[in-house]
Amino acid sequence: GDLRMSEEALYGELDISRANSKVWLVKVPNYVAEHWCAAEAGSVLGKIIITKQQNGTKLTAELNLSQDLPKEFSLKTTRPPVPMNSFTQTKDGALALEGIVQCRCDMQPQDSAAYRLLCKKRTASSQKSRDDKRKLARIESTKQNAVTVERRFTNTIAKIKK
């Protein structure tokens, strides 16, 4: 990808008021990200539950998602291998340093009826997409065969006319 920044962004001001804040970098499934992007500003997206256990700490998340999506997730945490910072950019292009990444997490849905239904829908959708591609390939192949037959027929008629 092209990592060059526009001249305006390169020379604009960077808000560093939260530079020393500790933040978590969380990788979420696409359907969660899409749901969150569509949520109203200021709405509660869910909660993280921290449970102390004998062998460490368990992190789970309960999210406020639509009825047909999984709502319970486990969070697998790791420390960033190198120092990382989090930045944001507003719609008007202003940049802000949000803080230092203290923890990275992968959000994974817990096995539930909603998750199994989501997987089933994805599989069906993927299969339909593959079937559609096969149909298009057969149509294209039929068109190419028809053109080849038409060319042979035209060439044969041209030879007969000579």
N, C-alpha and C. Protein backbone atom coordinates (compact mmCIF):
# COMPACT_ATOMS: atom_id res chain seq x y z
N GLY A 1 0.82 -1.19 0.00
CA GLY A 1 0.00 0.00 0.00
C GLY A 1 0.85 1.24 0.00
N ASP A 2 0.24 2.33 -0.34
CA ASP A 2 0.92 3.62 -0.39
C ASP A 2 0.84 4.28 0.97
N LEU A 3 1.98 4.43 1.64
CA LEU A 3 2.01 4.99 2.98
C LEU A 3 2.29 6.49 3.00
N ARG A 4 2.41 7.10 1.82
CA ARG A 4 2.68 8.53 1.79
C ARG A 4 1.47 9.30 2.31
N MET A 5 1.73 10.36 3.06
CA MET A 5 0.66 11.19 3.60
C MET A 5 0.55 12.45 2.76
N SER A 6 -0.63 13.04 2.75
CA SER A 6 -0.79 14.29 2.03
C SER A 6 0.06 15.35 2.72
N GLU A 7 0.40 16.39 1.97
CA GLU A 7 1.23 17.45 2.54
C GLU A 7 0.52 18.12 3.71
N GLU A 8 -0.83 18.26 3.63
CA GLU A 8 -1.59 18.87 4.72
C GLU A 8 -1.49 18.04 5.99
N ALA A 9 -1.65 16.70 5.86
CA ALA A 9 -1.58 15.84 7.03
C ALA A 9 -0.17 15.81 7.59
N LEU A 10 0.82 15.86 6.71
CA LEU A 10 2.21 15.81 7.14
C LEU A 10 2.58 17.04 7.98
N TYR A 11 2.04 18.19 7.62
CA TYR A 11 2.41 19.42 8.32
C TYR A 11 1.32 19.94 9.24
N GLY A 12 0.19 19.22 9.39
CA GLY A 12 -0.88 19.64 10.28
C GLY A 12 -0.50 19.41 11.73
N GLU A 13 -1.37 19.84 12.63
CA GLU A 13 -1.12 19.67 14.06
C GLU A 13 -1.56 18.28 14.50
N LEU A 14 -0.84 17.73 15.45
CA LEU A 14 -1.14 16.43 16.02
C LEU A 14 -1.51 16.64 17.48
N ASP A 15 -2.73 16.24 17.84
CA ASP A 15 -3.19 16.36 19.23
C ASP A 15 -2.52 15.27 20.04
N ILE A 16 -1.66 15.65 20.99
CA ILE A 16 -0.94 14.67 21.82
C ILE A 16 -1.39 14.74 23.28
N SER A 17 -2.54 15.31 23.52
CA SER A 17 -3.01 15.47 24.90
C SER A 17 -3.23 14.13 25.62
N ARG A 18 -3.47 13.06 24.88
CA ARG A 18 -3.68 11.74 25.50
C ARG A 18 -2.51 10.80 25.22
N ALA A 19 -1.36 11.32 24.88
CA ALA A 19 -0.20 10.50 24.47
C ALA A 19 0.22 9.48 25.52
N ASN A 20 0.05 9.77 26.80
CA ASN A 20 0.49 8.85 27.85
C ASN A 20 -0.62 7.91 28.32
N SER A 21 -1.79 7.98 27.72
CA SER A 21 -2.89 7.08 28.07
C SER A 21 -2.54 5.66 27.63
N LYS A 22 -3.02 4.69 28.38
CA LYS A 22 -2.82 3.29 28.01
C LYS A 22 -4.09 2.80 27.33
N VAL A 23 -3.91 2.22 26.14
CA VAL A 23 -5.06 1.76 25.36
C VAL A 23 -4.88 0.29 24.99
N TRP A 24 -5.99 -0.35 24.65
CA TRP A 24 -5.98 -1.73 24.18
C TRP A 24 -6.28 -1.72 22.70
N LEU A 25 -5.57 -2.54 21.96
CA LEU A 25 -5.81 -2.72 20.54
C LEU A 25 -6.54 -4.05 20.39
N VAL A 26 -7.80 -3.99 19.95
CA VAL A 26 -8.63 -5.19 19.90
C VAL A 26 -9.02 -5.50 18.45
N LYS A 27 -8.69 -6.71 18.02
CA LYS A 27 -9.08 -7.18 16.69
C LYS A 27 -10.45 -7.84 16.84
N VAL A 28 -11.44 -7.32 16.10
CA VAL A 28 -12.80 -7.82 16.21
C VAL A 28 -13.24 -8.45 14.88
N PRO A 29 -14.18 -9.39 14.92
CA PRO A 29 -14.72 -9.95 13.67
C PRO A 29 -15.37 -8.85 12.83
N ASN A 30 -15.37 -9.04 11.51
CA ASN A 30 -15.93 -8.02 10.60
C ASN A 30 -17.36 -7.65 10.93
N TYR A 31 -18.20 -8.65 11.25
CA TYR A 31 -19.61 -8.34 11.52
C TYR A 31 -19.76 -7.48 12.78
N VAL A 32 -18.86 -7.61 13.74
CA VAL A 32 -18.89 -6.76 14.93
C VAL A 32 -18.49 -5.33 14.55
N ALA A 33 -17.42 -5.20 13.76
CA ALA A 33 -16.96 -3.87 13.32
C ALA A 33 -18.06 -3.16 12.53
N GLU A 34 -18.73 -3.89 11.62
CA GLU A 34 -19.81 -3.29 10.83
C GLU A 34 -20.94 -2.83 11.73
N HIS A 35 -21.30 -3.65 12.71
CA HIS A 35 -22.37 -3.28 13.64
C HIS A 35 -21.98 -2.04 14.45
N TRP A 36 -20.75 -2.01 14.92
CA TRP A 36 -20.29 -0.87 15.71
C TRP A 36 -20.25 0.41 14.88
N CYS A 37 -19.82 0.31 13.62
CA CYS A 37 -19.78 1.50 12.76
C CYS A 37 -21.17 2.07 12.53
N ALA A 38 -22.17 1.20 12.52
CA ALA A 38 -23.55 1.65 12.29
C ALA A 38 -24.22 2.16 13.57
N ALA A 39 -23.60 1.92 14.73
CA ALA A 39 -24.20 2.33 16.00
C ALA A 39 -24.17 3.85 16.16
N GLU A 40 -25.13 4.34 16.92
CA GLU A 40 -25.17 5.78 17.18
C GLU A 40 -24.03 6.18 18.10
N ALA A 41 -23.52 7.39 17.91
CA ALA A 41 -22.44 7.90 18.76
C ALA A 41 -22.91 7.93 20.21
N GLY A 42 -22.06 7.48 21.09
CA GLY A 42 -22.36 7.50 22.52
C GLY A 42 -23.15 6.30 23.01
N SER A 43 -23.54 5.39 22.12
CA SER A 43 -24.30 4.22 22.56
C SER A 43 -23.37 3.20 23.22
N VAL A 44 -23.92 2.42 24.14
CA VAL A 44 -23.14 1.40 24.83
C VAL A 44 -23.04 0.20 23.91
N LEU A 45 -21.81 -0.20 23.59
CA LEU A 45 -21.57 -1.29 22.65
C LEU A 45 -21.49 -2.65 23.33
N GLY A 46 -21.21 -2.65 24.63
CA GLY A 46 -21.08 -3.90 25.37
C GLY A 46 -20.25 -3.69 26.61
N LYS A 47 -19.83 -4.80 27.21
CA LYS A 47 -19.00 -4.70 28.41
C LYS A 47 -17.97 -5.81 28.41
N ILE A 48 -16.84 -5.53 29.05
CA ILE A 48 -15.77 -6.52 29.21
C ILE A 48 -15.82 -7.00 30.65
N ILE A 49 -15.78 -8.31 30.82
CA ILE A 49 -15.84 -8.91 32.15
C ILE A 49 -14.48 -9.54 32.44
N ILE A 50 -13.87 -9.11 33.55
CA ILE A 50 -12.56 -9.63 33.95
C ILE A 50 -12.78 -10.55 35.15
N THR A 51 -12.41 -11.82 34.99
CA THR A 51 -12.59 -12.81 36.05
C THR A 51 -11.22 -13.33 36.47
N LYS A 52 -10.93 -13.22 37.76
CA LYS A 52 -9.65 -13.76 38.26
C LYS A 52 -9.83 -15.25 38.52
N GLN A 53 -8.86 -16.02 38.00
CA GLN A 53 -8.88 -17.47 38.18
C GLN A 53 -7.55 -17.91 38.75
N GLN A 54 -7.46 -19.16 39.17
CA GLN A 54 -6.22 -19.66 39.74
C GLN A 54 -5.06 -19.59 38.76
N ASN A 55 -5.32 -19.85 37.48
CA ASN A 55 -4.25 -19.85 36.49
C ASN A 55 -4.13 -18.53 35.73
N GLY A 56 -4.68 -17.47 36.25
CA GLY A 56 -4.57 -16.17 35.60
C GLY A 56 -5.90 -15.44 35.53
N THR A 57 -6.01 -14.58 34.57
CA THR A 57 -7.20 -13.77 34.41
C THR A 57 -7.92 -14.16 33.13
N LYS A 58 -9.23 -14.26 33.20
CA LYS A 58 -10.05 -14.58 32.03
C LYS A 58 -10.81 -13.33 31.62
N LEU A 59 -10.73 -13.01 30.32
CA LEU A 59 -11.45 -11.85 29.79
C LEU A 59 -12.54 -12.32 28.85
N THR A 60 -13.73 -11.83 29.07
CA THR A 60 -14.84 -12.11 28.16
C THR A 60 -15.53 -10.79 27.85
N ALA A 61 -16.25 -10.78 26.75
CA ALA A 61 -16.99 -9.58 26.36
C ALA A 61 -18.43 -9.98 26.07
N GLU A 62 -19.35 -9.17 26.53
CA GLU A 62 -20.76 -9.32 26.19
C GLU A 62 -21.16 -8.08 25.41
N LEU A 63 -21.51 -8.27 24.15
CA LEU A 63 -21.78 -7.14 23.27
C LEU A 63 -23.26 -6.96 23.01
N ASN A 64 -23.64 -5.73 22.75
CA ASN A 64 -25.01 -5.39 22.39
C ASN A 64 -25.10 -5.42 20.87
N LEU A 65 -25.44 -6.59 20.33
CA LEU A 65 -25.54 -6.77 18.88
C LEU A 65 -26.97 -7.17 18.53
N SER A 66 -27.27 -7.18 17.23
CA SER A 66 -28.62 -7.56 16.80
C SER A 66 -28.90 -9.02 17.17
N GLN A 67 -30.16 -9.39 17.14
CA GLN A 67 -30.61 -10.70 17.61
C GLN A 67 -29.89 -11.88 16.99
N ASP A 68 -29.59 -11.81 15.69
CA ASP A 68 -29.07 -12.99 15.01
C ASP A 68 -27.54 -13.10 15.05
N LEU A 69 -26.86 -12.22 15.79
CA LEU A 69 -25.40 -12.28 15.87
C LEU A 69 -24.94 -12.78 17.24
N PRO A 70 -23.81 -13.47 17.29
CA PRO A 70 -23.26 -13.91 18.59
C PRO A 70 -23.00 -12.69 19.48
N LYS A 71 -23.23 -12.85 20.77
CA LYS A 71 -23.07 -11.74 21.71
C LYS A 71 -21.97 -11.97 22.74
N GLU A 72 -21.51 -13.22 22.89
CA GLU A 72 -20.50 -13.52 23.90
C GLU A 72 -19.18 -13.90 23.22
N PHE A 73 -18.11 -13.29 23.71
CA PHE A 73 -16.79 -13.45 23.10
C PHE A 73 -15.75 -13.66 24.17
N SER A 74 -14.69 -14.37 23.80
CA SER A 74 -13.52 -14.45 24.67
C SER A 74 -12.46 -13.53 24.09
N LEU A 75 -11.62 -13.00 24.94
CA LEU A 75 -10.54 -12.11 24.51
C LEU A 75 -9.21 -12.78 24.81
N LYS A 76 -8.45 -13.05 23.77
CA LYS A 76 -7.11 -13.62 23.92
C LYS A 76 -6.12 -12.46 23.89
N THR A 77 -5.39 -12.27 24.97
CA THR A 77 -4.51 -11.10 25.08
C THR A 77 -3.05 -11.47 24.88
N THR A 78 -2.31 -10.51 24.33
CA THR A 78 -0.86 -10.60 24.20
C THR A 78 -0.28 -9.21 24.40
N ARG A 79 0.94 -9.17 24.80
CA ARG A 79 1.65 -7.89 24.89
C ARG A 79 2.19 -7.57 23.50
N PRO A 80 2.15 -6.31 23.09
CA PRO A 80 2.72 -5.95 21.79
C PRO A 80 4.21 -6.29 21.75
N PRO A 81 4.69 -6.91 20.66
CA PRO A 81 6.10 -7.28 20.58
C PRO A 81 7.03 -6.07 20.50
N VAL A 82 6.51 -4.97 19.99
CA VAL A 82 7.28 -3.73 19.91
C VAL A 82 6.38 -2.60 20.41
N PRO A 83 6.97 -1.51 20.89
CA PRO A 83 6.14 -0.39 21.34
C PRO A 83 5.23 0.10 20.20
N MET A 84 3.96 0.29 20.52
CA MET A 84 2.99 0.73 19.53
C MET A 84 2.16 1.88 20.10
N ASN A 85 1.70 2.75 19.22
CA ASN A 85 0.82 3.83 19.60
C ASN A 85 -0.45 3.75 18.78
N SER A 86 -1.51 4.33 19.31
CA SER A 86 -2.79 4.35 18.61
C SER A 86 -3.10 5.79 18.19
N PHE A 87 -3.50 5.93 16.92
CA PHE A 87 -3.85 7.24 16.37
C PHE A 87 -5.29 7.21 15.87
N THR A 88 -5.93 8.37 15.85
CA THR A 88 -7.24 8.50 15.23
C THR A 88 -7.20 9.68 14.28
N GLN A 89 -8.14 9.67 13.35
CA GLN A 89 -8.27 10.78 12.41
C GLN A 89 -9.75 11.12 12.30
N THR A 90 -10.08 12.37 12.50
CA THR A 90 -11.47 12.80 12.40
C THR A 90 -11.87 12.97 10.94
N LYS A 91 -13.16 13.17 10.70
CA LYS A 91 -13.64 13.33 9.34
C LYS A 91 -13.02 14.55 8.65
N ASP A 92 -12.67 15.56 9.43
CA ASP A 92 -12.05 16.76 8.84
C ASP A 92 -10.53 16.61 8.67
N GLY A 93 -9.99 15.42 9.01
CA GLY A 93 -8.58 15.14 8.77
C GLY A 93 -7.65 15.40 9.94
N ALA A 94 -8.18 15.89 11.07
CA ALA A 94 -7.32 16.16 12.23
C ALA A 94 -6.82 14.85 12.83
N LEU A 95 -5.53 14.81 13.16
CA LEU A 95 -4.92 13.62 13.74
C LEU A 95 -4.73 13.76 15.24
N ALA A 96 -4.88 12.63 15.96
CA ALA A 96 -4.68 12.64 17.40
C ALA A 96 -3.96 11.37 17.82
N LEU A 97 -3.03 11.50 18.73
CA LEU A 97 -2.36 10.36 19.33
C LEU A 97 -3.21 9.96 20.53
N GLU A 98 -3.79 8.75 20.47
CA GLU A 98 -4.72 8.31 21.52
C GLU A 98 -4.02 7.68 22.71
N GLY A 99 -2.84 7.14 22.51
CA GLY A 99 -2.13 6.56 23.64
C GLY A 99 -1.19 5.46 23.23
N ILE A 100 -0.62 4.81 24.24
CA ILE A 100 0.32 3.72 24.07
C ILE A 100 -0.44 2.40 24.18
N VAL A 101 -0.22 1.52 23.21
CA VAL A 101 -0.91 0.22 23.23
C VAL A 101 -0.29 -0.63 24.33
N GLN A 102 -1.08 -0.90 25.35
CA GLN A 102 -0.64 -1.68 26.49
C GLN A 102 -0.90 -3.17 26.27
N CYS A 103 -1.98 -3.48 25.54
CA CYS A 103 -2.40 -4.86 25.37
C CYS A 103 -3.06 -5.04 24.01
N ARG A 104 -2.75 -6.15 23.34
CA ARG A 104 -3.43 -6.50 22.10
C ARG A 104 -4.36 -7.67 22.40
N CYS A 105 -5.55 -7.64 21.81
CA CYS A 105 -6.53 -8.70 22.04
C CYS A 105 -7.12 -9.17 20.72
N ASP A 106 -7.42 -10.45 20.68
CA ASP A 106 -8.20 -11.02 19.59
C ASP A 106 -9.54 -11.42 20.18
N MET A 107 -10.62 -10.88 19.60
CA MET A 107 -11.96 -11.18 20.08
C MET A 107 -12.49 -12.38 19.28
N GLN A 108 -12.82 -13.46 19.99
CA GLN A 108 -13.30 -14.68 19.35
C GLN A 108 -14.67 -15.04 19.89
N PRO A 109 -15.63 -15.30 18.99
CA PRO A 109 -16.97 -15.65 19.47
C PRO A 109 -16.96 -16.98 20.21
N GLN A 110 -17.72 -17.04 21.30
CA GLN A 110 -17.86 -18.30 22.02
C GLN A 110 -18.89 -19.15 21.29
N ASP A 111 -18.73 -20.45 21.41
CA ASP A 111 -19.65 -21.37 20.74
C ASP A 111 -21.06 -21.16 21.30
N SER A 112 -21.98 -20.85 20.40
CA SER A 112 -23.38 -20.64 20.80
C SER A 112 -24.26 -20.94 19.60
N ALA A 113 -25.56 -21.01 19.83
CA ALA A 113 -26.50 -21.26 18.72
C ALA A 113 -26.41 -20.14 17.70
N ALA A 114 -26.27 -18.90 18.16
CA ALA A 114 -26.17 -17.75 17.24
C ALA A 114 -24.91 -17.84 16.38
N TYR A 115 -23.79 -18.28 16.98
CA TYR A 115 -22.55 -18.40 16.22
C TYR A 115 -22.65 -19.53 15.20
N ARG A 116 -23.23 -20.65 15.60
CA ARG A 116 -23.40 -21.76 14.65
C ARG A 116 -24.30 -21.35 13.49
N LEU A 117 -25.36 -20.59 13.77
CA LEU A 117 -26.26 -20.11 12.71
C LEU A 117 -25.52 -19.16 11.77
N LEU A 118 -24.69 -18.27 12.33
CA LEU A 118 -23.90 -17.35 11.51
C LEU A 118 -22.95 -18.13 10.60
N CYS A 119 -22.28 -19.16 11.13
CA CYS A 119 -21.37 -19.98 10.32
C CYS A 119 -22.14 -20.69 9.22
N LYS A 120 -23.33 -21.18 9.53
CA LYS A 120 -24.15 -21.88 8.54
C LYS A 120 -24.55 -20.92 7.41
N LYS A 121 -24.94 -19.69 7.77
CA LYS A 121 -25.31 -18.69 6.76
C LYS A 121 -24.12 -18.34 5.88
N ARG A 122 -22.95 -18.18 6.49
CA ARG A 122 -21.74 -17.86 5.72
C ARG A 122 -21.41 -18.97 4.73
N THR A 123 -21.50 -20.21 5.19
CA THR A 123 -21.21 -21.35 4.33
C THR A 123 -22.18 -21.39 3.16
N ALA A 124 -23.47 -21.19 3.45
CA ALA A 124 -24.48 -21.20 2.38
C ALA A 124 -24.23 -20.07 1.39
N SER A 125 -23.89 -18.90 1.90
CA SER A 125 -23.61 -17.74 1.03
C SER A 125 -22.38 -17.99 0.17
N SER A 126 -21.36 -18.57 0.76
CA SER A 126 -20.13 -18.89 0.02
C SER A 126 -20.41 -19.92 -1.06
N GLN A 127 -21.21 -20.92 -0.73
CA GLN A 127 -21.56 -21.96 -1.70
C GLN A 127 -22.35 -21.36 -2.85
N LYS A 128 -23.30 -20.45 -2.54
CA LYS A 128 -24.11 -19.80 -3.58
C LYS A 128 -23.20 -18.97 -4.49
N SER A 129 -22.25 -18.28 -3.91
CA SER A 129 -21.31 -17.47 -4.68
C SER A 129 -20.50 -18.36 -5.63
N ARG A 130 -20.01 -19.50 -5.11
CA ARG A 130 -19.25 -20.42 -5.95
C ARG A 130 -20.11 -20.98 -7.08
N ASP A 131 -21.37 -21.31 -6.75
CA ASP A 131 -22.29 -21.84 -7.78
C ASP A 131 -22.54 -20.78 -8.85
N ASP A 132 -22.72 -19.52 -8.43
CA ASP A 132 -22.94 -18.43 -9.39
C ASP A 132 -21.74 -18.27 -10.31
N LYS A 133 -20.53 -18.36 -9.75
CA LYS A 133 -19.31 -18.24 -10.55
C LYS A 133 -19.21 -19.38 -11.56
N ARG A 134 -19.60 -20.59 -11.13
CA ARG A 134 -19.57 -21.74 -12.05
C ARG A 134 -20.57 -21.53 -13.19
N LYS A 135 -21.76 -21.01 -12.87
CA LYS A 135 -22.77 -20.76 -13.90
C LYS A 135 -22.25 -19.75 -14.91
N LEU A 136 -21.63 -18.66 -14.40
CA LEU A 136 -21.07 -17.65 -15.30
C LEU A 136 -19.97 -18.25 -16.18
N ALA A 137 -19.15 -19.11 -15.60
CA ALA A 137 -18.08 -19.75 -16.38
C ALA A 137 -18.67 -20.62 -17.47
N ARG A 138 -19.75 -21.35 -17.15
CA ARG A 138 -20.39 -22.20 -18.17
C ARG A 138 -21.00 -21.34 -19.27
N ILE A 139 -21.63 -20.21 -18.89
CA ILE A 139 -22.22 -19.31 -19.89
C ILE A 139 -21.13 -18.75 -20.80
N GLU A 140 -20.02 -18.30 -20.20
CA GLU A 140 -18.91 -17.76 -21.00
C GLU A 140 -18.36 -18.84 -21.93
N SER A 141 -18.22 -20.06 -21.42
CA SER A 141 -17.72 -21.16 -22.23
C SER A 141 -18.66 -21.44 -23.39
N THR A 142 -19.97 -21.41 -23.13
CA THR A 142 -20.97 -21.64 -24.17
C THR A 142 -20.89 -20.54 -25.22
N LYS A 143 -20.72 -19.27 -24.76
CA LYS A 143 -20.60 -18.15 -25.71
C LYS A 143 -19.36 -18.33 -26.59
N GLN A 144 -18.24 -18.71 -25.97
CA GLN A 144 -17.00 -18.89 -26.73
C GLN A 144 -17.15 -20.02 -27.74
N ASN A 145 -17.81 -21.11 -27.34
CA ASN A 145 -18.04 -22.22 -28.26
C ASN A 145 -18.93 -21.79 -29.42
N ALA A 146 -19.94 -20.97 -29.12
CA ALA A 146 -20.85 -20.48 -30.16
C ALA A 146 -20.10 -19.60 -31.15
N VAL A 147 -19.21 -18.76 -30.63
CA VAL A 147 -18.42 -17.88 -31.51
C VAL A 147 -17.50 -18.72 -32.39
N THR A 148 -16.87 -19.74 -31.79
CA THR A 148 -15.98 -20.62 -32.54
C THR A 148 -16.75 -21.33 -33.65
N VAL A 149 -17.93 -21.86 -33.33
CA VAL A 149 -18.75 -22.54 -34.32
C VAL A 149 -19.16 -21.57 -35.41
N GLU A 150 -19.52 -20.33 -35.02
CA GLU A 150 -19.94 -19.31 -35.99
C GLU A 150 -18.77 -18.97 -36.93
N ARG A 151 -17.58 -18.83 -36.39
CA ARG A 151 -16.40 -18.51 -37.20
C ARG A 151 -16.12 -19.65 -38.19
N ARG A 152 -16.18 -20.90 -37.69
CA ARG A 152 -15.94 -22.05 -38.58
C ARG A 152 -16.97 -22.08 -39.70
N PHE A 153 -18.24 -21.81 -39.33
CA PHE A 153 -19.31 -21.81 -40.31
C PHE A 153 -19.07 -20.72 -41.36
N THR A 154 -18.69 -19.51 -40.87
CA THR A 154 -18.42 -18.39 -41.77
C THR A 154 -17.23 -18.71 -42.67
N ASN A 155 -16.17 -19.28 -42.12
CA ASN A 155 -14.99 -19.66 -42.92
C ASN A 155 -15.36 -20.71 -43.97
N THR A 156 -16.19 -21.66 -43.57
CA THR A 156 -16.62 -22.71 -44.51
C THR A 156 -17.43 -22.10 -45.65
N ILE A 157 -18.34 -21.20 -45.36
CA ILE A 157 -19.14 -20.53 -46.38
C ILE A 157 -18.24 -19.71 -47.29
N ALA A 158 -17.24 -19.03 -46.72
CA ALA A 158 -16.32 -18.22 -47.53
C ALA A 158 -15.56 -19.12 -48.49
N LYS A 159 -15.14 -20.30 -48.04
CA LYS A 159 -14.41 -21.23 -48.92
C LYS A 159 -15.32 -21.74 -50.04
N ILE A 160 -16.57 -22.00 -49.70
CA ILE A 160 -17.52 -22.50 -50.70
C ILE A 160 -17.78 -21.44 -51.76
N LYS A 161 -17.87 -20.17 -51.36
CA LYS A 161 -18.14 -19.08 -52.29
C LYS A 161 -16.99 -18.86 -53.26
N LYS A 162 -15.77 -19.20 -52.85
CA LYS A 162 -14.59 -19.00 -53.71
C LYS A 162 -14.68 -19.94 -54.82
